[in-house]
């Protein structure tokens, strides 16, 4: 089956899921995948997620996705925010691992509905908030996205995305904030 997704408003996966729901197969397939332990319900995110068995199956698919190219470009833009206008990092090692940033950004984009522009704006807001301390407490880029603290995943990025969303709901723009 070849599908061409022309709506870039949503991910390819979301479009396929909508297609399956429209065909009346979405819930039936969901039940089958849950029963065979490929997906499970995540109480923390209130959503369906792939299990390790589901991820292993997906890795067997030989799929070249434009998402991979896009995530590399997005990760570069994200990590570049941790540098000044001359390309020098605000703190040694602060751009973090490219791989860790890519993986965590993929996960973040799948979990939350923030646009890439919103994520970059929230990251700028976070970095600006650390400027006052001379970047003394500026976290590595991949830890801003997600860091395990006392066994719990925490995300400064999510916090700043939420704050930026609240600010925009109150009529303030990113430029008023930064």
Protein backbone atom coordinates (compact mmCIF):
# COMPACT_ATOMS: atom_id res chain seq x y z
CA UNK A 1 0.00 0.00 0.00
CA UNK A 2 1.42 3.41 -0.98
CA UNK A 3 0.09 6.47 0.80
CA UNK A 4 1.01 10.03 0.01
CA UNK A 5 0.23 12.42 2.83
CA UNK A 6 -0.31 15.92 1.51
CA UNK A 7 -1.50 17.60 4.71
CA UNK A 8 1.54 18.74 6.68
CA UNK A 9 -0.70 20.01 9.47
CA UNK A 10 -0.38 16.61 11.15
CA UNK A 11 2.21 13.85 11.16
CA UNK A 12 2.10 11.02 8.65
CA UNK A 13 1.25 8.65 11.49
CA UNK A 14 -1.70 10.79 12.56
CA UNK A 15 -2.97 10.95 8.98
CA UNK A 16 -2.78 7.17 8.63
CA UNK A 17 -4.59 6.76 11.94
CA UNK A 18 -7.35 9.14 10.76
CA UNK A 19 -7.62 7.13 7.56
CA UNK A 20 -7.99 3.91 9.53
CA UNK A 21 -10.62 5.45 11.81
CA UNK A 22 -12.53 6.68 8.77
CA UNK A 23 -12.48 3.17 7.36
CA UNK A 24 -13.82 1.86 10.67
CA UNK A 25 -10.63 -0.05 11.48
CA UNK A 26 -8.96 2.20 14.04
CA UNK A 27 -10.45 0.76 17.22
CA UNK A 28 -10.34 -2.79 15.92
CA UNK A 29 -6.63 -2.46 15.07
CA UNK A 30 -5.97 -0.76 18.39
CA UNK A 31 -7.56 -3.67 20.27
CA UNK A 32 -5.56 -6.22 18.26
CA UNK A 33 -2.27 -4.37 18.86
CA UNK A 34 -2.98 -4.07 22.60
CA UNK A 35 -3.90 -7.76 22.88
CA UNK A 36 -0.64 -8.73 21.14
CA UNK A 37 1.38 -6.35 23.39
CA UNK A 38 2.57 -4.04 20.59
CA UNK A 39 0.99 -0.99 22.23
CA UNK A 40 -0.18 -0.10 25.73
CA UNK A 41 -1.97 2.73 27.46
CA UNK A 42 0.39 5.12 29.27
CA UNK A 43 -1.23 6.57 32.40
CA UNK A 44 1.30 9.42 32.59
CA UNK A 45 0.61 10.79 29.10
CA UNK A 46 -2.97 9.46 28.81
CA UNK A 47 -2.15 8.02 25.42
CA UNK A 48 -1.25 4.85 23.58
CA UNK A 49 2.47 4.18 23.26
CA UNK A 50 4.58 1.52 21.60
CA UNK A 51 5.89 -1.25 23.82
CA UNK A 52 9.41 -2.58 23.36
CA UNK A 53 7.85 -5.38 21.28
CA UNK A 54 6.14 -2.76 19.08
CA UNK A 55 9.34 -0.76 18.70
CA UNK A 56 11.26 -3.91 17.74
CA UNK A 57 8.70 -4.64 15.04
CA UNK A 58 8.86 -1.08 13.68
CA UNK A 59 12.67 -1.32 13.44
CA UNK A 60 12.23 -4.29 11.10
CA UNK A 61 10.36 -2.08 8.64
CA UNK A 62 12.68 -0.60 6.07
CA UNK A 63 11.11 2.84 5.96
CA UNK A 64 12.99 5.96 4.90
CA UNK A 65 11.12 8.87 6.34
CA UNK A 66 11.42 12.56 5.65
CA UNK A 67 10.93 12.92 9.40
CA UNK A 68 14.52 11.71 9.93
CA UNK A 69 15.93 14.45 7.72
CA UNK A 70 13.60 16.99 9.27
CA UNK A 71 14.55 16.00 12.83
CA UNK A 72 18.25 16.38 12.00
CA UNK A 73 17.67 19.93 10.74
CA UNK A 74 15.44 20.75 13.70
CA UNK A 75 17.98 19.33 16.16
CA UNK A 76 20.69 21.52 14.63
CA UNK A 77 18.50 24.62 15.02
CA UNK A 78 17.70 23.63 18.60
CA UNK A 79 21.34 23.00 19.59
CA UNK A 80 22.46 26.22 17.87
CA UNK A 81 20.30 28.19 20.32
CA UNK A 82 22.85 27.26 22.99
CA UNK A 83 25.49 29.30 21.13
CA UNK A 84 26.04 33.04 20.84
CA UNK A 85 25.95 34.98 17.57
CA UNK A 86 29.61 34.03 16.95
CA UNK A 87 28.87 30.30 17.23
CA UNK A 88 30.53 29.94 20.65
CA UNK A 89 28.64 27.89 23.22
CA UNK A 90 27.46 29.73 26.32
CA UNK A 91 29.12 27.06 28.43
CA UNK A 92 31.41 24.13 27.49
CA UNK A 93 29.41 21.03 26.52
CA UNK A 94 26.06 22.80 26.79
CA UNK A 95 24.88 21.81 23.28
CA UNK A 96 24.80 18.23 24.54
CA UNK A 97 24.92 15.10 22.45
CA UNK A 98 23.42 15.36 18.96
CA UNK A 99 22.04 11.84 19.24
CA UNK A 100 20.50 12.43 22.70
CA UNK A 101 18.92 15.67 21.48
CA UNK A 102 17.50 13.99 18.36
CA UNK A 103 16.01 11.10 20.29
CA UNK A 104 14.53 13.30 23.00
CA UNK A 105 13.16 15.82 20.51
CA UNK A 106 11.48 13.00 18.57
CA UNK A 107 9.90 11.75 21.77
CA UNK A 108 8.87 15.27 22.81
CA UNK A 109 7.27 15.96 19.42
CA UNK A 110 5.36 12.67 19.65
CA UNK A 111 4.13 13.31 23.19
CA UNK A 112 3.13 16.96 22.96
CA UNK A 113 1.37 19.02 20.33
CA UNK A 114 3.74 22.00 20.30
CA UNK A 115 5.06 23.18 16.94
CA UNK A 116 8.78 23.27 16.25
CA UNK A 117 8.63 27.08 16.23
CA UNK A 118 6.98 27.03 19.66
CA UNK A 119 9.67 24.67 20.98
CA UNK A 120 12.42 26.94 19.65
CA UNK A 121 10.69 29.98 21.19
CA UNK A 122 10.37 28.23 24.55
CA UNK A 123 14.04 27.23 24.38
CA UNK A 124 15.03 30.85 23.71
CA UNK A 125 12.93 31.89 26.71
CA UNK A 126 14.69 29.30 28.90
CA UNK A 127 18.15 30.40 27.74
CA UNK A 128 17.28 34.06 28.36
CA UNK A 129 16.13 33.17 31.88
CA UNK A 130 19.60 31.70 32.53
CA UNK A 131 21.43 34.75 31.17
CA UNK A 132 20.98 36.57 34.51
CA UNK A 133 23.20 34.00 36.27
CA UNK A 134 25.81 34.18 33.51
CA UNK A 135 24.55 30.78 32.30
CA UNK A 136 25.93 29.23 35.50
CA UNK A 137 22.95 26.86 35.78
CA UNK A 138 22.26 26.41 32.06
CA UNK A 139 21.53 22.72 31.47
CA UNK A 140 22.89 20.66 28.60
CA UNK A 141 20.52 20.82 25.64
CA UNK A 142 19.33 17.21 25.92
CA UNK A 143 18.62 17.61 29.66
CA UNK A 144 16.42 20.63 28.94
CA UNK A 145 14.20 18.33 26.86
CA UNK A 146 14.10 15.51 29.41
CA UNK A 147 16.06 14.58 32.50
CA UNK A 148 15.36 11.86 35.03
CA UNK A 149 15.30 13.32 38.55
CA UNK A 150 14.63 10.97 41.48
CA UNK A 151 13.25 8.41 39.03
CA UNK A 152 10.83 10.88 37.44
CA UNK A 153 11.17 12.38 33.95
CA UNK A 154 11.26 16.16 34.14
CA UNK A 155 11.27 18.61 31.25
CA UNK A 156 12.23 22.26 31.48
CA UNK A 157 11.32 22.48 27.82
CA UNK A 158 7.75 21.39 28.59
CA UNK A 159 7.55 23.93 31.41
CA UNK A 160 8.71 26.75 29.15
CA UNK A 161 6.43 25.58 26.31
CA UNK A 162 3.48 25.72 28.71
CA UNK A 163 4.52 29.17 29.97
CA UNK A 164 4.93 30.46 26.43
CA UNK A 165 1.47 29.08 25.58
CA UNK A 166 -0.04 30.79 28.64
CA UNK A 167 1.67 34.05 27.71
CA UNK A 168 0.31 33.88 24.16
CA UNK A 169 -3.17 33.11 25.54
CA UNK A 170 -2.90 36.33 27.56
CA UNK A 171 -2.05 38.29 24.41
CA UNK A 172 1.67 38.66 25.04
CA UNK A 173 3.96 37.70 22.21
CA UNK A 174 7.25 35.87 22.41
CA UNK A 175 8.97 39.20 21.68
CA UNK A 176 7.34 40.79 24.74
CA UNK A 177 8.66 37.94 26.86
CA UNK A 178 12.21 37.55 25.57
